[in-house]
Every structure is written in C-alpha cells, then in structure tokens.
C-alpha atoms as a PDB file:
ATOM      1  CA  UNK A   1     -30.384 -14.075  35.054  1.00  0.00           C
ATOM      2  CA  UNK A   2     -33.814 -12.511  34.472  1.00  0.00           C
ATOM      3  CA  UNK A   3     -35.448  -9.110  34.857  1.00  0.00           C
ATOM      4  CA  UNK A   4     -37.866  -7.743  37.437  1.00  0.00           C
ATOM      5  CA  UNK A   5     -40.177  -4.837  36.538  1.00  0.00           C
ATOM      6  CA  UNK A   6     -40.822  -2.218  39.201  1.00  0.00           C
ATOM      7  CA  UNK A   7     -44.041  -0.260  38.634  1.00  0.00           C
ATOM      8  CA  UNK A   8     -45.064   3.087  40.038  1.00  0.00           C
ATOM      9  CA  UNK A   9     -48.409   3.806  41.725  1.00  0.00           C
ATOM     10  CA  UNK A  10     -49.986   4.846  38.432  1.00  0.00           C
ATOM     11  CA  UNK A  11     -48.958   1.569  36.713  1.00  0.00           C
ATOM     12  CA  UNK A  12     -46.001   2.842  34.726  1.00  0.00           C
ATOM     13  CA  UNK A  13     -42.732   0.883  34.642  1.00  0.00           C
ATOM     14  CA  UNK A  14     -40.177   2.838  36.631  1.00  0.00           C
ATOM     15  CA  UNK A  15     -37.182   0.501  36.708  1.00  0.00           C
ATOM     16  CA  UNK A  16     -36.093  -2.845  35.325  1.00  0.00           C
ATOM     17  CA  UNK A  17     -33.897  -4.725  37.740  1.00  0.00           C
ATOM     18  CA  UNK A  18     -32.066  -8.004  37.073  1.00  0.00           C
ATOM     19  CA  UNK A  19     -33.103 -10.977  39.137  1.00  0.00           C
ATOM     20  CA  UNK A  20     -31.704 -14.474  39.396  1.00  0.00           C
ATOM     21  CA  UNK A  21     -33.870 -17.442  38.555  1.00  0.00           C
ATOM     22  CA  UNK A  22     -33.450 -21.036  37.403  1.00  0.00           C
ATOM     23  CA  UNK A  23     -35.544 -22.706  34.718  1.00  0.00           C
ATOM     24  CA  UNK A  24     -36.773 -25.944  36.228  1.00  0.00           C
ATOM     25  CA  UNK A  25     -38.237 -28.270  33.602  1.00  0.00           C
ATOM     26  CA  UNK A  26     -38.443 -31.335  35.828  1.00  0.00           C
ATOM     27  CA  UNK A  27     -41.871 -32.922  35.666  1.00  0.00           C
ATOM     28  CA  UNK A  28     -43.094 -30.784  32.782  1.00  0.00           C
ATOM     29  CA  UNK A  29     -44.649 -32.481  29.802  1.00  0.00           C
ATOM     30  CA  UNK A  30     -42.643 -32.493  26.591  1.00  0.00           C
ATOM     31  CA  UNK A  31     -45.614 -31.061  24.720  1.00  0.00           C
ATOM     32  CA  UNK A  32     -45.040 -27.695  26.384  1.00  0.00           C
ATOM     33  CA  UNK A  33     -41.751 -27.397  24.536  1.00  0.00           C
ATOM     34  CA  UNK A  34     -43.071 -28.263  21.081  1.00  0.00           C
ATOM     35  CA  UNK A  35     -44.940 -26.379  18.412  1.00  0.00           C
ATOM     36  CA  UNK A  36     -46.875 -27.456  15.331  1.00  0.00           C
ATOM     37  CA  UNK A  37     -46.061 -25.615  12.122  1.00  0.00           C
ATOM     38  CA  UNK A  38     -47.935 -25.831   8.838  1.00  0.00           C
ATOM     39  CA  UNK A  39     -45.313 -25.144   6.184  1.00  0.00           C
ATOM     40  CA  UNK A  40     -45.891 -24.454   2.501  1.00  0.00           C
ATOM     41  CA  UNK A  41     -42.999 -24.719   0.001  1.00  0.00           C
ATOM     42  CA  UNK A  42     -41.910 -21.393  -1.399  1.00  0.00           C
ATOM     43  CA  UNK A  43     -42.043 -20.491  -5.063  1.00  0.00           C
ATOM     44  CA  UNK A  44     -38.316 -21.125  -5.186  1.00  0.00           C
ATOM     45  CA  UNK A  45     -38.871 -24.869  -4.935  1.00  0.00           C
ATOM     46  CA  UNK A  46     -42.169 -25.398  -6.787  1.00  0.00           C
ATOM     47  CA  UNK A  47     -43.657 -23.799  -9.886  1.00  0.00           C
ATOM     48  CA  UNK A  48     -46.986 -22.934  -8.245  1.00  0.00           C
ATOM     49  CA  UNK A  49     -46.962 -22.848  -4.416  1.00  0.00           C
ATOM     50  CA  UNK A  50     -50.784 -22.748  -4.292  1.00  0.00           C
ATOM     51  CA  UNK A  51     -51.233 -25.941  -6.306  1.00  0.00           C
ATOM     52  CA  UNK A  52     -51.132 -29.167  -4.302  1.00  0.00           C
ATOM     53  CA  UNK A  53     -49.720 -31.203  -7.205  1.00  0.00           C
ATOM     54  CA  UNK A  54     -47.122 -28.603  -8.241  1.00  0.00           C
ATOM     55  CA  UNK A  55     -43.956 -30.108  -9.646  1.00  0.00           C
ATOM     56  CA  UNK A  56     -40.586 -28.997  -8.224  1.00  0.00           C
ATOM     57  CA  UNK A  57     -38.679 -26.589 -10.420  1.00  0.00           C
ATOM     58  CA  UNK A  58     -35.114 -27.198 -11.528  1.00  0.00           C
ATOM     59  CA  UNK A  59     -32.827 -25.825  -8.853  1.00  0.00           C
ATOM     60  CA  UNK A  60     -29.065 -25.348  -9.162  1.00  0.00           C
ATOM     61  CA  UNK A  61     -27.825 -26.862  -5.909  1.00  0.00           C
ATOM     62  CA  UNK A  62     -24.411 -25.737  -4.724  1.00  0.00           C
ATOM     63  CA  UNK A  63     -23.912 -28.596  -2.263  1.00  0.00           C
ATOM     64  CA  UNK A  64     -26.797 -30.932  -2.996  1.00  0.00           C
ATOM     65  CA  UNK A  65     -25.383 -33.837  -0.987  1.00  0.00           C
ATOM     66  CA  UNK A  66     -24.723 -31.736   2.100  1.00  0.00           C
ATOM     67  CA  UNK A  67     -21.759 -30.028   3.715  1.00  0.00           C
ATOM     68  CA  UNK A  68     -19.908 -33.191   4.727  1.00  0.00           C
ATOM     69  CA  UNK A  69     -19.985 -34.680   1.230  1.00  0.00           C
ATOM     70  CA  UNK A  70     -18.858 -31.401  -0.360  1.00  0.00           C
ATOM     71  CA  UNK A  71     -16.306 -30.401   2.272  1.00  0.00           C
ATOM     72  CA  UNK A  72     -13.433 -30.324  -0.250  1.00  0.00           C
ATOM     73  CA  UNK A  73     -15.335 -27.842  -2.383  1.00  0.00           C
ATOM     74  CA  UNK A  74     -16.176 -25.696   0.644  1.00  0.00           C
ATOM     75  CA  UNK A  75     -12.544 -25.793   1.778  1.00  0.00           C
ATOM     76  CA  UNK A  76     -11.320 -24.691  -1.634  1.00  0.00           C
ATOM     77  CA  UNK A  77     -13.800 -21.802  -1.769  1.00  0.00           C
ATOM     78  CA  UNK A  78     -12.879 -20.730   1.767  1.00  0.00           C
ATOM     79  CA  UNK A  79      -9.165 -20.653   0.939  1.00  0.00           C
ATOM     80  CA  UNK A  80      -9.772 -18.704  -2.276  1.00  0.00           C
ATOM     81  CA  UNK A  81     -12.067 -16.193  -0.578  1.00  0.00           C
ATOM     82  CA  UNK A  82      -9.602 -15.574   2.274  1.00  0.00           C
ATOM     83  CA  UNK A  83      -6.520 -15.783   0.033  1.00  0.00           C
ATOM     84  CA  UNK A  84      -5.070 -18.655   2.047  1.00  0.00           C
ATOM     85  CA  UNK A  85      -2.236 -20.596   0.479  1.00  0.00           C
ATOM     86  CA  UNK A  86      -0.331 -23.416   2.197  1.00  0.00           C
ATOM     87  CA  UNK A  87       3.385 -22.901   2.808  1.00  0.00           C
ATOM     88  CA  UNK A  88       5.509 -25.578   1.146  1.00  0.00           C
ATOM     89  CA  UNK A  89       9.230 -25.632   2.015  1.00  0.00           C
ATOM     90  CA  UNK A  90      11.914 -28.223   1.328  1.00  0.00           C
ATOM     91  CA  UNK A  91      15.246 -28.118   3.162  1.00  0.00           C
ATOM     92  CA  UNK A  92      18.222 -30.202   2.119  1.00  0.00           C
ATOM     93  CA  UNK A  93      21.916 -30.282   2.881  1.00  0.00           C
ATOM     94  CA  UNK A  94      24.729 -32.455   4.257  1.00  0.00           C
ATOM     95  CA  UNK A  95      24.612 -33.871   7.793  1.00  0.00           C
ATOM     96  CA  UNK A  96      25.090 -31.312  10.603  1.00  0.00           C
ATOM     97  CA  UNK A  97      24.386 -28.440   8.220  1.00  0.00           C
ATOM     98  CA  UNK A  98      21.595 -27.144  10.456  1.00  0.00           C
ATOM     99  CA  UNK A  99      18.645 -28.035   8.255  1.00  0.00           C
ATOM    100  CA  UNK A 100      16.696 -29.649  11.105  1.00  0.00           C
ATOM    101  CA  UNK A 101      17.401 -26.683  13.389  1.00  0.00           C
ATOM    102  CA  UNK A 102      16.134 -24.122  10.918  1.00  0.00           C
ATOM    103  CA  UNK A 103      13.317 -26.402   9.808  1.00  0.00           C
ATOM    104  CA  UNK A 104      12.030 -26.531  13.389  1.00  0.00           C
ATOM    105  CA  UNK A 105      12.347 -22.741  13.720  1.00  0.00           C
ATOM    106  CA  UNK A 106      10.320 -22.139  10.562  1.00  0.00           C
ATOM    107  CA  UNK A 107       7.765 -24.730  11.637  1.00  0.00           C
ATOM    108  CA  UNK A 108       7.188 -22.821  14.876  1.00  0.00           C
ATOM    109  CA  UNK A 109       7.132 -19.454  13.107  1.00  0.00           C
ATOM    110  CA  UNK A 110       4.627 -20.408  10.395  1.00  0.00           C
ATOM    111  CA  UNK A 111       2.710 -23.058  12.405  1.00  0.00           C
ATOM    112  CA  UNK A 112       3.159 -25.796   9.804  1.00  0.00           C
ATOM    113  CA  UNK A 113       4.248 -29.426  10.315  1.00  0.00           C
ATOM    114  CA  UNK A 114       7.981 -30.141  10.347  1.00  0.00           C
ATOM    115  CA  UNK A 115       8.352 -33.460   8.502  1.00  0.00           C
ATOM    116  CA  UNK A 116      11.447 -35.565   9.206  1.00  0.00           C
ATOM    117  CA  UNK A 117      11.581 -38.948   7.487  1.00  0.00           C
ATOM    118  CA  UNK A 118      12.537 -40.736  10.719  1.00  0.00           C
ATOM    119  CA  UNK A 119       9.464 -39.372  12.518  1.00  0.00           C
ATOM    120  CA  UNK A 120       7.245 -40.174   9.537  1.00  0.00           C
ATOM    121  CA  UNK A 121       8.400 -43.801   9.539  1.00  0.00           C
ATOM    122  CA  UNK A 122       7.653 -44.143  13.253  1.00  0.00           C
ATOM    123  CA  UNK A 123       4.198 -42.614  12.814  1.00  0.00           C
ATOM    124  CA  UNK A 124       3.396 -44.845   9.831  1.00  0.00           C
ATOM    125  CA  UNK A 125       4.497 -47.970  11.723  1.00  0.00           C
ATOM    126  CA  UNK A 126       2.024 -47.158  14.518  1.00  0.00           C
ATOM    127  CA  UNK A 127      -0.960 -47.182  12.158  1.00  0.00           C
ATOM    128  CA  UNK A 128      -3.482 -49.881  13.012  1.00  0.00           C
ATOM    129  CA  UNK A 129      -6.007 -49.389  10.233  1.00  0.00           C
ATOM    130  CA  UNK A 130      -6.377 -51.106   6.861  1.00  0.00           C
ATOM    131  CA  UNK A 131      -4.869 -48.233   4.905  1.00  0.00           C
ATOM    132  CA  UNK A 132      -2.671 -48.833   1.889  1.00  0.00           C
ATOM    133  CA  UNK A 133       0.458 -47.542   3.617  1.00  0.00           C
ATOM    134  CA  UNK A 134      -0.065 -49.789   6.659  1.00  0.00           C
ATOM    135  CA  UNK A 135      -0.493 -52.862   4.460  1.00  0.00           C
ATOM    136  CA  UNK A 136       2.617 -51.974   2.443  1.00  0.00           C
ATOM    137  CA  UNK A 137       4.714 -51.636   5.617  1.00  0.00           C
ATOM    138  CA  UNK A 138       3.470 -54.923   7.052  1.00  0.00           C
ATOM    139  CA  UNK A 139       4.162 -56.745   3.771  1.00  0.00           C
ATOM    140  CA  UNK A 140       7.707 -55.376   3.646  1.00  0.00           C
ATOM    141  CA  UNK A 141       8.408 -56.316   7.267  1.00  0.00           C
ATOM    142  CA  UNK A 142       7.122 -59.830   6.682  1.00  0.00           C
ATOM    143  CA  UNK A 143       9.380 -60.472   3.681  1.00  0.00           C
ATOM    144  CA  UNK A 144      12.366 -58.278   4.647  1.00  0.00           C
ATOM    145  CA  UNK A 145      12.499 -58.092   8.454  1.00  0.00           C
ATOM    146  CA  UNK A 146      16.134 -56.889   8.690  1.00  0.00           C
ATOM    147  CA  UNK A 147      16.385 -54.595   5.669  1.00  0.00           C
ATOM    148  CA  UNK A 148      15.717 -50.890   5.440  1.00  0.00           C
ATOM    149  CA  UNK A 149      12.668 -49.565   3.681  1.00  0.00           C
ATOM    150  CA  UNK A 150      13.187 -49.007  -0.053  1.00  0.00           C
ATOM    151  CA  UNK A 151      12.836 -45.573  -1.622  1.00  0.00           C
ATOM    152  CA  UNK A 152       9.474 -46.502  -3.152  1.00  0.00           C
ATOM    153  CA  UNK A 153       8.005 -47.246   0.286  1.00  0.00           C
ATOM    154  CA  UNK A 154       9.540 -44.113   1.804  1.00  0.00           C
ATOM    155  CA  UNK A 155       7.914 -42.049  -0.940  1.00  0.00           C
ATOM    156  CA  UNK A 156       4.545 -43.611  -0.113  1.00  0.00           C
ATOM    157  CA  UNK A 157       5.030 -42.789   3.573  1.00  0.00           C
ATOM    158  CA  UNK A 158       5.767 -39.145   2.735  1.00  0.00           C
ATOM    159  CA  UNK A 159       2.767 -38.997   0.401  1.00  0.00           C
ATOM    160  CA  UNK A 160       0.552 -40.407   3.158  1.00  0.00           C
ATOM    161  CA  UNK A 161       1.666 -37.638   5.527  1.00  0.00           C
ATOM    162  CA  UNK A 162       1.307 -34.887   2.918  1.00  0.00           C
ATOM    163  CA  UNK A 163      -2.297 -35.950   2.356  1.00  0.00           C
ATOM    164  CA  UNK A 164      -3.199 -35.275   5.998  1.00  0.00           C
ATOM    165  CA  UNK A 165      -5.424 -32.280   6.720  1.00  0.00           C
ATOM    166  CA  UNK A 166      -2.799 -30.097   8.384  1.00  0.00           C
ATOM    167  CA  UNK A 167      -0.406 -30.421   5.439  1.00  0.00           C
ATOM    168  CA  UNK A 168      -3.192 -29.891   2.923  1.00  0.00           C
ATOM    169  CA  UNK A 169      -4.513 -26.772   4.654  1.00  0.00           C
ATOM    170  CA  UNK A 170      -1.463 -25.129   6.230  1.00  0.00           C
ATOM    171  CA  UNK A 171       1.463 -26.586   4.303  1.00  0.00           C
ATOM    172  CA  UNK A 172       4.615 -28.412   5.353  1.00  0.00           C
ATOM    173  CA  UNK A 173       8.377 -28.237   5.772  1.00  0.00           C
ATOM    174  CA  UNK A 174      10.156 -31.282   4.367  1.00  0.00           C
ATOM    175  CA  UNK A 175      13.467 -31.920   6.101  1.00  0.00           C
ATOM    176  CA  UNK A 176      16.077 -33.995   4.245  1.00  0.00           C
ATOM    177  CA  UNK A 177      13.737 -36.066   2.086  1.00  0.00           C
ATOM    178  CA  UNK A 178      13.459 -36.621  -0.850  1.00  0.00           C
ATOM    179  CA  UNK A 179      17.180 -37.216  -1.197  1.00  0.00           C
ATOM    180  CA  UNK A 180      17.412 -37.715  -4.954  1.00  0.00           C
ATOM    181  CA  UNK A 181      15.681 -36.539  -8.103  1.00  0.00           C
ATOM    182  CA  UNK A 182      14.037 -39.944  -8.428  1.00  0.00           C
ATOM    183  CA  UNK A 183      12.710 -39.670  -4.855  1.00  0.00           C
ATOM    184  CA  UNK A 184      11.267 -36.243  -5.652  1.00  0.00           C
ATOM    185  CA  UNK A 185       9.464 -37.680  -8.661  1.00  0.00           C
ATOM    186  CA  UNK A 186       8.130 -40.524  -6.520  1.00  0.00           C
ATOM    187  CA  UNK A 187       6.785 -38.105  -3.886  1.00  0.00           C
ATOM    188  CA  UNK A 188       5.443 -35.200  -5.917  1.00  0.00           C
ATOM    189  CA  UNK A 189       4.521 -36.765  -9.264  1.00  0.00           C
ATOM    190  CA  UNK A 190       2.618 -39.738 -10.527  1.00  0.00           C
ATOM    191  CA  UNK A 191       2.403 -41.401 -13.909  1.00  0.00           C
ATOM    192  CA  UNK A 192      -1.217 -41.605 -15.102  1.00  0.00           C
ATOM    193  CA  UNK A 193      -2.345 -44.972 -16.390  1.00  0.00           C
ATOM    194  CA  UNK A 194      -3.672 -44.652 -19.920  1.00  0.00           C
ATOM    195  CA  UNK A 195      -6.050 -47.203 -21.385  1.00  0.00           C
ATOM    196  CA  UNK A 196      -4.544 -49.390 -24.040  1.00  0.00           C
ATOM    197  CA  UNK A 197      -5.635 -48.536 -27.544  1.00  0.00           C
ATOM    198  CA  UNK A 198      -4.677 -49.597 -31.008  1.00  0.00           C
ATOM    199  CA  UNK A 199      -2.220 -47.220 -32.693  1.00  0.00           C
ATOM    200  CA  UNK A 200      -2.836 -46.642 -36.380  1.00  0.00           C
ATOM    201  CA  UNK A 201       0.217 -46.766 -38.606  1.00  0.00           C
ATOM    202  CA  UNK A 202       1.689 -43.287 -38.931  1.00  0.00           C
ATOM    203  CA  UNK A 203       0.412 -42.141 -35.505  1.00  0.00           C
ATOM    204  CA  UNK A 204       3.042 -43.910 -33.391  1.00  0.00           C
ATOM    205  CA  UNK A 205       5.319 -40.860 -33.131  1.00  0.00           C
ATOM    206  CA  UNK A 206       2.408 -38.632 -32.075  1.00  0.00           C
ATOM    207  CA  UNK A 207       1.349 -41.133 -29.398  1.00  0.00           C
ATOM    208  CA  UNK A 208       4.917 -41.324 -28.067  1.00  0.00           C
ATOM    209  CA  UNK A 209       5.132 -37.529 -27.821  1.00  0.00           C
ATOM    210  CA  UNK A 210       1.846 -37.336 -25.903  1.00  0.00           C
ATOM    211  CA  UNK A 211       2.983 -40.077 -23.548  1.00  0.00           C
ATOM    212  CA  UNK A 212       6.222 -38.220 -22.815  1.00  0.00           C
ATOM    213  CA  UNK A 213       4.325 -34.953 -22.197  1.00  0.00           C
ATOM    214  CA  UNK A 214       1.887 -36.559 -19.743  1.00  0.00           C
ATOM    215  CA  UNK A 215       4.473 -38.770 -18.090  1.00  0.00           C
ATOM    216  CA  UNK A 216       4.466 -36.906 -14.811  1.00  0.00           C
ATOM    217  CA  UNK A 217       1.564 -35.087 -13.216  1.00  0.00           C
ATOM    218  CA  UNK A 218       1.999 -33.041 -10.002  1.00  0.00           C
ATOM    219  CA  UNK A 219       0.293 -34.370  -6.844  1.00  0.00           C
ATOM    220  CA  UNK A 220       0.999 -31.650  -4.279  1.00  0.00           C
END
C-alpha cells in the first residue's frame, strides 16, 4: 500500500490517496540496497574520540558476553522487575484420596506443570541424549532389567524435570513424590563436597559443627 498525491492547478497538494503497488527488486543490483557509513567511536568507549590512537576507557559491561551467555542473569532481573515468582506445590496423600484430581485442576488454573512420577519416568526413558539422567537409567536397566528404579534414581529423575525451563520459570505441582523424608532430601537438597584439610588438635568439634550446619543446601 502506497500513497498518491493529487495536486491542484496551482501546484498545491489537495488530497493524498492510497494506492496499491508492489516493490519488485528482481534484477536490481545489490549495491542499490547498501550504504557506506564512516563511524567514529563515541567518547563513551574511548578517552579522546578525535585521537586515532586513543585507548578504550574502562567500561562496566552489564552483559559483556552477550544476551545468550547471560540469559540466566536477564531472566532473574526480569522476574524481579515484574515481581514474578514460580508456584511450587506438593500434594501427598493415600491412594484414591484425590491428589491427582486436584493436582490437575491446579495445574490448569495456574498454568504450571503437573508432575506425576510415572509420567516423569516415561519421559526420562525416552531421552536419547548423553545427559547424566539418561546414562544413569541405561546403566540401571543393564544391570537390573527386572527391578524397579531405586529411590536415588527417582530423585535424579525428579531433579532433571525440575531443572527444565517451565518448572524454573513458572513453577510446578509435585503429585505423590517424594514419598518419604529421605526422598525429599534427595530431591530438594544436596550435600556440598568440601575439600579435605588437616584438622588441628582442638578444632575437631568446631569442624564437626560446621559440617552439620552445611550438610544440606537447598536446590529448588
């Protein structure tokens, strides 16, 4: 859509009417669509923009390596600025208590993933990459083809799903797992590995207290 100018007898523009046209670039040289610019760095980037050998000034980059490399930082700032917090819900109860029914209802209401351990296992088994969880599942199947997955492997499967973007950004509803206190520790906490160091006599009790305090660190 373009415009067509209608002029009066004395040369003035009386009306501007729309007119249809198509831009046909076939056969035109590429040079007609280019332009040469002579750019000079601004004083923000160099000490003296008029000097040819001016040294760059120190600049406090916010995302020096680019948006893709700093996407976690950008995501965190976006959530803080817009006051966005992921919804994290855990539902537990005996069989046929309705936890899956209400979990699905809340998932639809809040638009967050509804995580059932059975579905997570099926999704993890379909992975074809070289991820840690895929290798752990294949190793277990190779050595224990008829046995159920142990709690440690189930915790890793849940952790893998909780680290996905939708759970990290919007939240999740855990349905029926973890089943025990030990499972909850395996899913939501990790024990940091401390470097070995020599303990001076008389400092053993202090070291033990620090180890007990830092035993579990939250992951999600």
